[in-house]
Amino acid sequence: MTTSEQIRVLCVRKGVSLSELARRINQTPQNFNAKLKRNTVTQDELNHIAKVLDVTYEQYFVLANGEQIK
């Protein structure tokens, strides 16, 4: 699942439209939709999305010994 798909699913589960999410993260719906289509949402934007939707976002590598590289 791409990051854009994850964001779309998250919005459905949280009951928030993509346009409303865009406004909450201080972007125009048009600009945010373009980023979703290109799958170019930045790490900072993902963290902001998590904050405004009151969820946890984690992205990291896990080595065989369990060590996490965040």
N, C-alpha and C. Protein backbone atom coordinates (compact mmCIF):
# COMPACT_ATOMS: atom_id res chain seq x y z
N MET A 1 0.86 -1.18 0.00
CA MET A 1 0.00 0.00 0.00
C MET A 1 0.90 1.23 0.00
N THR A 2 0.61 2.16 -0.89
CA THR A 2 1.40 3.38 -0.95
C THR A 2 1.02 4.31 0.20
N THR A 3 1.86 5.29 0.42
CA THR A 3 1.58 6.28 1.46
C THR A 3 0.28 7.01 1.16
N SER A 4 0.06 7.34 -0.09
CA SER A 4 -1.18 8.03 -0.46
C SER A 4 -2.40 7.17 -0.15
N GLU A 5 -2.31 5.89 -0.43
CA GLU A 5 -3.41 4.97 -0.12
C GLU A 5 -3.64 4.90 1.39
N GLN A 6 -2.55 4.88 2.15
CA GLN A 6 -2.66 4.85 3.60
C GLN A 6 -3.38 6.10 4.11
N ILE A 7 -3.06 7.25 3.55
CA ILE A 7 -3.70 8.49 3.97
C ILE A 7 -5.19 8.46 3.65
N ARG A 8 -5.53 7.95 2.49
CA ARG A 8 -6.94 7.86 2.11
C ARG A 8 -7.72 6.95 3.06
N VAL A 9 -7.14 5.79 3.39
CA VAL A 9 -7.78 4.86 4.32
C VAL A 9 -7.92 5.51 5.70
N LEU A 10 -6.87 6.18 6.14
CA LEU A 10 -6.90 6.86 7.43
C LEU A 10 -8.04 7.88 7.48
N CYS A 11 -8.19 8.64 6.43
CA CYS A 11 -9.27 9.64 6.39
C CYS A 11 -10.64 8.98 6.50
N VAL A 12 -10.82 7.88 5.80
CA VAL A 12 -12.10 7.17 5.87
C VAL A 12 -12.36 6.70 7.30
N ARG A 13 -11.36 6.09 7.90
CA ARG A 13 -11.53 5.56 9.26
C ARG A 13 -11.72 6.64 10.31
N LYS A 14 -11.14 7.81 10.07
CA LYS A 14 -11.28 8.91 11.02
C LYS A 14 -12.48 9.80 10.69
N GLY A 15 -13.14 9.54 9.57
CA GLY A 15 -14.31 10.33 9.19
C GLY A 15 -13.99 11.75 8.78
N VAL A 16 -12.84 11.92 8.13
CA VAL A 16 -12.38 13.24 7.70
C VAL A 16 -12.18 13.20 6.19
N SER A 17 -12.69 14.20 5.49
CA SER A 17 -12.48 14.25 4.04
C SER A 17 -11.04 14.66 3.75
N LEU A 18 -10.58 14.35 2.55
CA LEU A 18 -9.23 14.76 2.15
C LEU A 18 -9.13 16.29 2.12
N SER A 19 -10.19 16.94 1.72
CA SER A 19 -10.20 18.41 1.69
C SER A 19 -10.06 18.98 3.10
N GLU A 20 -10.77 18.40 4.04
CA GLU A 20 -10.67 18.85 5.43
C GLU A 20 -9.28 18.60 5.99
N LEU A 21 -8.71 17.44 5.69
CA LEU A 21 -7.35 17.15 6.14
C LEU A 21 -6.38 18.17 5.57
N ALA A 22 -6.52 18.47 4.29
CA ALA A 22 -5.64 19.46 3.67
C ALA A 22 -5.70 20.78 4.42
N ARG A 23 -6.91 21.23 4.72
CA ARG A 23 -7.05 22.50 5.45
C ARG A 23 -6.43 22.42 6.84
N ARG A 24 -6.59 21.28 7.50
CA ARG A 24 -6.01 21.12 8.85
C ARG A 24 -4.49 21.17 8.85
N ILE A 25 -3.87 20.77 7.73
CA ILE A 25 -2.41 20.82 7.66
C ILE A 25 -1.93 22.04 6.86
N ASN A 26 -2.83 23.02 6.75
CA ASN A 26 -2.50 24.32 6.14
C ASN A 26 -2.09 24.22 4.68
N GLN A 27 -2.81 23.39 3.93
CA GLN A 27 -2.59 23.30 2.49
C GLN A 27 -3.93 23.45 1.79
N THR A 28 -3.86 23.82 0.53
CA THR A 28 -5.10 23.86 -0.24
C THR A 28 -5.46 22.42 -0.62
N PRO A 29 -6.74 22.13 -0.74
CA PRO A 29 -7.13 20.79 -1.17
C PRO A 29 -6.51 20.42 -2.53
N GLN A 30 -6.41 21.39 -3.43
CA GLN A 30 -5.84 21.13 -4.75
C GLN A 30 -4.37 20.72 -4.65
N ASN A 31 -3.61 21.44 -3.86
CA ASN A 31 -2.19 21.13 -3.70
C ASN A 31 -2.00 19.77 -3.03
N PHE A 32 -2.77 19.51 -1.99
CA PHE A 32 -2.64 18.25 -1.27
C PHE A 32 -3.04 17.07 -2.16
N ASN A 33 -4.12 17.24 -2.93
CA ASN A 33 -4.55 16.18 -3.84
C ASN A 33 -3.47 15.88 -4.88
N ALA A 34 -2.81 16.92 -5.36
CA ALA A 34 -1.72 16.72 -6.33
C ALA A 34 -0.58 15.93 -5.71
N LYS A 35 -0.25 16.22 -4.45
CA LYS A 35 0.80 15.47 -3.76
C LYS A 35 0.41 14.01 -3.60
N LEU A 36 -0.87 13.76 -3.30
CA LEU A 36 -1.33 12.39 -3.16
C LEU A 36 -1.24 11.66 -4.50
N LYS A 37 -1.60 12.32 -5.57
CA LYS A 37 -1.54 11.69 -6.90
C LYS A 37 -0.11 11.36 -7.29
N ARG A 38 0.83 12.25 -6.94
CA ARG A 38 2.25 12.03 -7.25
C ARG A 38 2.95 11.18 -6.20
N ASN A 39 2.26 10.94 -5.08
CA ASN A 39 2.83 10.21 -3.94
C ASN A 39 4.11 10.89 -3.45
N THR A 40 4.00 12.21 -3.24
CA THR A 40 5.15 13.00 -2.82
C THR A 40 4.92 13.70 -1.48
N VAL A 41 4.18 13.08 -0.60
CA VAL A 41 3.94 13.65 0.72
C VAL A 41 5.24 13.48 1.52
N THR A 42 5.68 14.55 2.16
CA THR A 42 6.96 14.51 2.88
C THR A 42 6.80 13.89 4.27
N GLN A 43 7.92 13.54 4.84
CA GLN A 43 7.94 12.99 6.20
C GLN A 43 7.35 13.98 7.20
N ASP A 44 7.70 15.26 7.05
CA ASP A 44 7.16 16.29 7.94
C ASP A 44 5.64 16.38 7.80
N GLU A 45 5.15 16.28 6.58
CA GLU A 45 3.70 16.32 6.36
C GLU A 45 3.01 15.11 6.98
N LEU A 46 3.64 13.94 6.89
CA LEU A 46 3.08 12.74 7.50
C LEU A 46 2.99 12.89 9.01
N ASN A 47 4.02 13.46 9.60
CA ASN A 47 4.00 13.70 11.04
C ASN A 47 2.91 14.71 11.41
N HIS A 48 2.73 15.73 10.58
CA HIS A 48 1.70 16.74 10.84
C HIS A 48 0.31 16.11 10.72
N ILE A 49 0.12 15.27 9.71
CA ILE A 49 -1.16 14.56 9.53
C ILE A 49 -1.46 13.74 10.77
N ALA A 50 -0.48 13.01 11.25
CA ALA A 50 -0.67 12.19 12.44
C ALA A 50 -1.08 13.04 13.63
N LYS A 51 -0.44 14.18 13.76
CA LYS A 51 -0.74 15.06 14.90
C LYS A 51 -2.17 15.59 14.83
N VAL A 52 -2.58 16.09 13.66
CA VAL A 52 -3.91 16.70 13.56
C VAL A 52 -5.02 15.66 13.62
N LEU A 53 -4.72 14.41 13.26
CA LEU A 53 -5.74 13.36 13.32
C LEU A 53 -5.63 12.53 14.60
N ASP A 54 -4.71 12.90 15.48
CA ASP A 54 -4.54 12.25 16.77
C ASP A 54 -4.28 10.75 16.63
N VAL A 55 -3.30 10.43 15.77
CA VAL A 55 -2.86 9.05 15.59
C VAL A 55 -1.34 9.02 15.69
N THR A 56 -0.80 7.85 15.75
CA THR A 56 0.65 7.68 15.78
C THR A 56 1.13 7.26 14.39
N TYR A 57 2.19 7.89 13.92
CA TYR A 57 2.79 7.51 12.64
C TYR A 57 4.21 7.05 12.92
N GLU A 58 4.55 5.86 12.45
CA GLU A 58 5.89 5.32 12.65
C GLU A 58 6.43 4.84 11.32
N GLN A 59 7.66 5.21 11.03
CA GLN A 59 8.34 4.69 9.85
C GLN A 59 9.80 4.48 10.23
N TYR A 60 10.22 3.22 10.15
CA TYR A 60 11.59 2.93 10.52
C TYR A 60 11.99 1.55 10.01
N PHE A 61 13.29 1.31 10.03
CA PHE A 61 13.84 0.01 9.67
C PHE A 61 14.07 -0.77 10.95
N VAL A 62 13.91 -2.09 10.87
CA VAL A 62 14.18 -2.96 12.02
C VAL A 62 15.23 -3.98 11.60
N LEU A 63 16.37 -4.00 12.27
CA LEU A 63 17.42 -4.96 11.98
C LEU A 63 17.07 -6.31 12.59
N ALA A 64 17.79 -7.35 12.18
CA ALA A 64 17.53 -8.71 12.64
C ALA A 64 17.62 -8.82 14.17
N ASN A 65 18.46 -8.00 14.79
CA ASN A 65 18.60 -8.04 16.24
C ASN A 65 17.52 -7.24 16.96
N GLY A 66 16.58 -6.68 16.20
CA GLY A 66 15.48 -5.92 16.80
C GLY A 66 15.75 -4.42 16.89
N GLU A 67 16.98 -4.01 16.62
CA GLU A 67 17.31 -2.58 16.68
C GLU A 67 16.51 -1.83 15.63
N GLN A 68 15.99 -0.67 16.02
CA GLN A 68 15.20 0.15 15.11
C GLN A 68 16.01 1.36 14.66
N ILE A 69 15.97 1.63 13.37
CA ILE A 69 16.58 2.82 12.83
C ILE A 69 15.45 3.72 12.38
N LYS A 70 15.27 4.80 13.15
CA LYS A 70 14.14 5.71 12.88
C LYS A 70 14.59 6.94 12.17
